[in-house]
C-alpha atoms as a PDB file:
ATOM      1  CA  MET A   1      20.821 -13.567   0.677  1.00  0.00           C
ATOM      2  CA  ILE A   2      20.493 -10.640  -2.030  1.00  0.00           C
ATOM      3  CA  GLY A   3      18.570 -12.967  -4.196  1.00  0.00           C
ATOM      4  CA  GLU A   4      15.909 -13.987  -1.478  1.00  0.00           C
ATOM      5  CA  ILE A   5      15.582 -10.196  -0.750  1.00  0.00           C
ATOM      6  CA  ASN A   6      14.973  -9.812  -4.746  1.00  0.00           C
ATOM      7  CA  ILE A   7      12.235 -12.514  -4.714  1.00  0.00           C
ATOM      8  CA  LEU A   8      10.737 -11.244  -1.706  1.00  0.00           C
ATOM      9  CA  ILE A   9      10.499  -7.423  -3.236  1.00  0.00           C
ATOM     10  CA  VAL A  10       9.039  -8.930  -6.589  1.00  0.00           C
ATOM     11  CA  ALA A  11       6.488 -10.688  -4.344  1.00  0.00           C
ATOM     12  CA  THR A  12       5.523  -7.838  -2.553  1.00  0.00           C
ATOM     13  CA  VAL A  13       5.177  -5.752  -5.558  1.00  0.00           C
ATOM     14  CA  LEU A  14       3.312  -8.341  -7.131  1.00  0.00           C
ATOM     15  CA  LEU A  15       0.676  -8.831  -4.128  1.00  0.00           C
ATOM     16  CA  LEU A  16       0.417  -4.728  -3.878  1.00  0.00           C
ATOM     17  CA  LEU A  17      -0.600  -4.607  -7.469  1.00  0.00           C
ATOM     18  CA  TYR A  18      -3.091  -7.665  -7.054  1.00  0.00           C
ATOM     19  CA  ALA A  19      -4.797  -5.672  -4.026  1.00  0.00           C
ATOM     20  CA  ALA A  20      -5.070  -2.503  -6.112  1.00  0.00           C
ATOM     21  CA  TRP A  21      -6.553  -4.660  -8.961  1.00  0.00           C
ATOM     22  CA  SER A  22      -8.866  -6.642  -6.794  1.00  0.00           C
ATOM     23  CA  ASP A  23     -10.025  -3.277  -5.136  1.00  0.00           C
ATOM     24  CA  PHE A  24     -10.723  -1.521  -8.487  1.00  0.00           C
ATOM     25  CA  ARG A  25     -12.457  -4.341  -9.972  1.00  0.00           C
ATOM     26  CA  LEU A  26     -14.504  -5.768  -6.934  1.00  0.00           C
ATOM     27  CA  TRP A  27     -14.325  -3.329  -4.056  1.00  0.00           C
ATOM     28  CA  LYS A  28     -12.355  -6.026  -1.920  1.00  0.00           C
ATOM     29  CA  ILE A  29      -9.006  -6.536  -0.567  1.00  0.00           C
ATOM     30  CA  PRO A  30      -8.940 -10.453   0.409  1.00  0.00           C
ATOM     31  CA  ASN A  31      -7.308 -10.886   3.432  1.00  0.00           C
ATOM     32  CA  SER A  32      -5.029 -13.441   2.122  1.00  0.00           C
ATOM     33  CA  ILE A  33      -3.273 -10.738   0.553  1.00  0.00           C
ATOM     34  CA  VAL A  34      -2.871  -8.611   3.853  1.00  0.00           C
ATOM     35  CA  LEU A  35      -1.471 -11.920   5.539  1.00  0.00           C
ATOM     36  CA  ALA A  36       0.720 -12.825   2.891  1.00  0.00           C
ATOM     37  CA  LEU A  37       2.165  -9.304   2.830  1.00  0.00           C
ATOM     38  CA  THR A  38       2.767  -9.313   6.580  1.00  0.00           C
ATOM     39  CA  ALA A  39       4.212 -12.576   6.078  1.00  0.00           C
ATOM     40  CA  ILE A  40       6.716 -11.194   3.491  1.00  0.00           C
ATOM     41  CA  TYR A  41       7.687  -8.791   5.810  1.00  0.00           C
ATOM     42  CA  ALA A  42       8.500 -10.794   8.721  1.00  0.00           C
ATOM     43  CA  LEU A  43      10.849 -12.770   6.456  1.00  0.00           C
ATOM     44  CA  HIS A  44      12.482  -9.725   5.026  1.00  0.00           C
ATOM     45  CA  ALA A  45      12.883  -8.505   8.975  1.00  0.00           C
ATOM     46  CA  ALA A  46      14.341 -11.691   9.549  1.00  0.00           C
ATOM     47  CA  LEU A  47      16.880 -11.380   6.777  1.00  0.00           C
ATOM     48  CA  GLN A  48      17.800  -8.107   8.033  1.00  0.00           C
ATOM     49  CA  LEU A  49      18.238  -9.335  11.412  1.00  0.00           C
ATOM     50  CA  LEU A  50      20.466 -12.196   9.833  1.00  0.00           C
ATOM     51  CA  MET A  51      22.678  -9.626   7.890  1.00  0.00           C
ATOM     52  CA  ALA A  52      22.917  -6.985  10.530  1.00  0.00           C
ATOM     53  CA  GLU A  53      26.242  -6.039  12.109  1.00  0.00           C
ATOM     54  CA  ASP A  54      24.520  -4.298  14.892  1.00  0.00           C
ATOM     55  CA  VAL A  55      21.337  -6.277  15.612  1.00  0.00           C
ATOM     56  CA  GLY A  56      20.052  -3.824  18.422  1.00  0.00           C
ATOM     57  CA  ALA A  57      20.261  -0.581  15.690  1.00  0.00           C
ATOM     58  CA  ALA A  58      18.312  -3.262  13.119  1.00  0.00           C
ATOM     59  CA  LEU A  59      15.698  -4.001  15.982  1.00  0.00           C
ATOM     60  CA  PHE A  60      15.260  -0.707  17.610  1.00  0.00           C
ATOM     61  CA  SER A  61      15.994   2.264  15.214  1.00  0.00           C
ATOM     62  CA  SER A  62      13.410   4.441  13.432  1.00  0.00           C
ATOM     63  CA  SER A  63      15.174   3.104  10.182  1.00  0.00           C
ATOM     64  CA  GLY A  64      15.129  -0.129  11.377  1.00  0.00           C
ATOM     65  CA  ILE A  65      12.280  -2.970  12.084  1.00  0.00           C
ATOM     66  CA  ALA A  66      10.670  -0.822  15.110  1.00  0.00           C
ATOM     67  CA  GLY A  67      10.209   2.109  12.694  1.00  0.00           C
ATOM     68  CA  ASP A  68       8.572  -0.303   9.993  1.00  0.00           C
ATOM     69  CA  VAL A  69       6.305  -1.805  12.794  1.00  0.00           C
ATOM     70  CA  GLY A  70       5.326   1.907  14.245  1.00  0.00           C
ATOM     71  CA  ALA A  71       4.753   3.012  10.911  1.00  0.00           C
ATOM     72  CA  GLY A  72       2.525  -0.158  10.153  1.00  0.00           C
ATOM     73  CA  LEU A  73       0.317   0.436  13.573  1.00  0.00           C
ATOM     74  CA  LEU A  74       0.058   4.040  13.126  1.00  0.00           C
ATOM     75  CA  LEU A  75      -1.414   3.652   9.647  1.00  0.00           C
ATOM     76  CA  PHE A  76      -3.648   0.625  10.580  1.00  0.00           C
ATOM     77  CA  ALA A  77      -5.021   2.867  13.617  1.00  0.00           C
ATOM     78  CA  LEU A  78      -5.773   5.584  11.005  1.00  0.00           C
ATOM     79  CA  GLY A  79      -7.394   2.957   8.796  1.00  0.00           C
ATOM     80  CA  PHE A  80      -9.466   1.736  11.547  1.00  0.00           C
ATOM     81  CA  GLY A  81     -10.792   4.925  12.765  1.00  0.00           C
ATOM     82  CA  LEU A  82     -11.640   5.886   9.144  1.00  0.00           C
ATOM     83  CA  TRP A  83     -13.352   2.444   8.789  1.00  0.00           C
ATOM     84  CA  SER A  84     -15.083   3.178  11.875  1.00  0.00           C
ATOM     85  CA  PHE A  85     -16.789   6.447  10.897  1.00  0.00           C
ATOM     86  CA  LYS A  86     -17.571   4.460   7.223  1.00  0.00           C
ATOM     87  CA  LEU A  87     -14.993   6.459   5.260  1.00  0.00           C
ATOM     88  CA  PHE A  88     -13.155   3.637   4.231  1.00  0.00           C
ATOM     89  CA  GLY A  89     -13.456   0.055   3.738  1.00  0.00           C
ATOM     90  CA  ALA A  90     -12.144  -2.704   6.009  1.00  0.00           C
ATOM     91  CA  GLY A  91      -9.770  -3.872   3.277  1.00  0.00           C
ATOM     92  CA  ASP A  92      -8.144  -0.664   2.819  1.00  0.00           C
ATOM     93  CA  ALA A  93      -7.952  -0.449   6.605  1.00  0.00           C
ATOM     94  CA  LYS A  94      -6.372  -3.661   7.078  1.00  0.00           C
ATOM     95  CA  LEU A  95      -3.992  -3.288   4.000  1.00  0.00           C
ATOM     96  CA  PHE A  96      -2.537  -0.004   6.134  1.00  0.00           C
ATOM     97  CA  LEU A  97      -0.609  -2.334   8.441  1.00  0.00           C
ATOM     98  CA  PRO A  98       1.734  -4.047   5.600  1.00  0.00           C
ATOM     99  CA  ILE A  99       1.971  -0.865   3.751  1.00  0.00           C
ATOM    100  CA  GLY A 100       3.155   0.736   6.703  1.00  0.00           C
ATOM    101  CA  PHE A 101       5.703  -2.125   7.143  1.00  0.00           C
ATOM    102  CA  PHE A 102       7.084  -1.486   3.694  1.00  0.00           C
ATOM    103  CA  VAL A 103       6.914   2.321   3.778  1.00  0.00           C
ATOM    104  CA  GLY A 104       8.632   2.512   7.295  1.00  0.00           C
ATOM    105  CA  TRP A 105       8.667   5.136   9.380  1.00  0.00           C
ATOM    106  CA  HIS A 106      11.086   7.683   7.446  1.00  0.00           C
ATOM    107  CA  GLY A 107       8.594   6.986   4.390  1.00  0.00           C
ATOM    108  CA  MET A 108       5.448   8.252   6.146  1.00  0.00           C
ATOM    109  CA  LEU A 109       5.800  11.580   4.844  1.00  0.00           C
ATOM    110  CA  PRO A 110       6.453  10.793   1.583  1.00  0.00           C
ATOM    111  CA  PHE A 111       3.889   8.297   1.295  1.00  0.00           C
ATOM    112  CA  ALA A 112       1.275  11.079   2.657  1.00  0.00           C
ATOM    113  CA  ILE A 113       2.467  13.238  -0.341  1.00  0.00           C
ATOM    114  CA  PHE A 114       2.075  10.541  -3.007  1.00  0.00           C
ATOM    115  CA  LEU A 115      -1.671   9.736  -1.284  1.00  0.00           C
ATOM    116  CA  LEU A 116      -2.519  13.417  -1.518  1.00  0.00           C
ATOM    117  CA  ILE A 117      -1.266  13.475  -5.169  1.00  0.00           C
ATOM    118  CA  GLY A 118      -2.969  10.224  -5.856  1.00  0.00           C
ATOM    119  CA  GLY A 119      -6.239  11.243  -4.204  1.00  0.00           C
ATOM    120  CA  ILE A 120      -6.105  14.352  -6.047  1.00  0.00           C
ATOM    121  CA  ALA A 121      -5.704  12.695  -9.616  1.00  0.00           C
ATOM    122  CA  ALA A 122      -8.717  10.105  -8.473  1.00  0.00           C
ATOM    123  CA  LEU A 123     -11.320  13.042  -7.948  1.00  0.00           C
ATOM    124  CA  LEU A 124     -10.152  14.616 -11.236  1.00  0.00           C
ATOM    125  CA  ILE A 125     -10.593  11.113 -13.297  1.00  0.00           C
ATOM    126  CA  LEU A 126     -13.887  10.739 -11.508  1.00  0.00           C
ATOM    127  CA  LYS A 127     -14.940  14.411 -12.061  1.00  0.00           C
ATOM    128  CA  LEU A 128     -13.895  15.323 -15.538  1.00  0.00           C
ATOM    129  CA  PRO A 129     -15.829  13.478 -18.383  1.00  0.00           C
ATOM    130  CA  MET A 130     -14.388  10.605 -20.480  1.00  0.00           C
ATOM    131  CA  PRO A 131     -13.888  10.969 -24.188  1.00  0.00           C
ATOM    132  CA  LEU A 132     -16.537   9.119 -25.889  1.00  0.00           C
ATOM    133  CA  GLN A 133     -13.898   7.398 -28.126  1.00  0.00           C
ATOM    134  CA  LEU A 134     -12.592   5.319 -24.870  1.00  0.00           C
ATOM    135  CA  ALA A 135     -16.057   4.330 -23.608  1.00  0.00           C
ATOM    136  CA  HIS A 136     -15.856   0.781 -25.077  1.00  0.00           C
ATOM    137  CA  PHE A 137     -13.077  -0.086 -22.787  1.00  0.00           C
ATOM    138  CA  SER A 138     -13.545  -1.869 -19.703  1.00  0.00           C
ATOM    139  CA  VAL A 139     -11.370  -0.016 -17.302  1.00  0.00           C
ATOM    140  CA  VAL A 140     -13.533   3.044 -18.477  1.00  0.00           C
ATOM    141  CA  MET A 141     -16.707   1.675 -18.028  1.00  0.00           C
ATOM    142  CA  ARG A 142     -15.577   0.464 -14.438  1.00  0.00           C
ATOM    143  CA  LEU A 143     -14.426   4.056 -13.631  1.00  0.00           C
ATOM    144  CA  GLU A 144     -17.974   5.009 -14.737  1.00  0.00           C
ATOM    145  CA  GLU A 145     -19.543   2.637 -12.481  1.00  0.00           C
ATOM    146  CA  ILE A 146     -17.375   3.862  -9.465  1.00  0.00           C
ATOM    147  CA  ARG A 147     -18.299   7.387 -10.312  1.00  0.00           C
ATOM    148  CA  THR A 148     -21.999   6.554 -10.420  1.00  0.00           C
ATOM    149  CA  THR A 149     -21.874   4.353  -7.131  1.00  0.00           C
ATOM    150  CA  ARG A 150     -19.384   7.072  -5.505  1.00  0.00           C
ATOM    151  CA  LYS A 151     -17.627   3.915  -3.678  1.00  0.00           C
ATOM    152  CA  ILE A 152     -13.929   4.947  -4.158  1.00  0.00           C
ATOM    153  CA  PRO A 153     -11.518   2.059  -4.039  1.00  0.00           C
ATOM    154  CA  TYR A 154      -8.688   3.481  -2.211  1.00  0.00           C
ATOM    155  CA  GLY A 155      -6.742   0.549  -2.309  1.00  0.00           C
ATOM    156  CA  VAL A 156      -5.581   1.600  -5.641  1.00  0.00           C
ATOM    157  CA  ILE A 157      -4.351   5.175  -4.670  1.00  0.00           C
ATOM    158  CA  MET A 158      -2.730   3.402  -1.621  1.00  0.00           C
ATOM    159  CA  VAL A 159      -0.705   0.768  -3.404  1.00  0.00           C
ATOM    160  CA  ALA A 160       0.296   3.426  -6.075  1.00  0.00           C
ATOM    161  CA  ALA A 161       1.556   5.961  -3.163  1.00  0.00           C
ATOM    162  CA  ALA A 162       3.157   2.855  -1.229  1.00  0.00           C
ATOM    163  CA  LEU A 163       5.148   1.631  -4.762  1.00  0.00           C
ATOM    164  CA  ALA A 164       6.485   5.284  -5.335  1.00  0.00           C
ATOM    165  CA  VAL A 165       7.639   5.317  -1.819  1.00  0.00           C
ATOM    166  CA  MET A 166       9.029   1.825  -1.850  1.00  0.00           C
ATOM    167  CA  VAL A 167      11.082   2.949  -4.962  1.00  0.00           C
ATOM    168  CA  LEU A 168      12.567   5.841  -3.372  1.00  0.00           C
ATOM    169  CA  ARG A 169      13.720   3.845  -0.526  1.00  0.00           C
ATOM    170  CA  PRO A 170      17.168   2.992  -0.014  1.00  0.00           C
ATOM    171  CA  ALA A 171      17.662  -0.914  -0.858  1.00  0.00           C
ATOM    172  CA  GLY A 172      19.534  -1.255   2.700  1.00  0.00           C
ATOM    173  CA  ALA A 173      16.766   0.184   4.688  1.00  0.00           C
END
């Protein structure tokens, strides 16, 4: 079962990185990525239940599946609210659901802190001038385009914060 869990972790990280890259390049997060991440969490939850000594605790505790689902729903509601006021893209709002699943209830505060740090870093990157010797790199050209349009790919910041929390989350949780 440990091998299956490691495969799910690798798949989750790769899908999150693809979501961030897609948002950075196209300002779009494909629905298929959100669905795949949700399916991976469902498989992870099923494996947690199979390995659990106390199924009730695995299902209903704040550090178990209930906490993960609660975090996902809370973040999704927040994302939906931001989207409804046109402060957020629909893909970003949808991506909050599986991110909440993987961050979990006890990871919400660290996630918010990493999100704040990422937002400040993005603000600085977009406000400070780019050195001319880097101007020919495609990433720098894309940053200039983002700066011009003022459309922020929040998915990048969200994924970075989620990955930071996932690294800090205990393996058994």
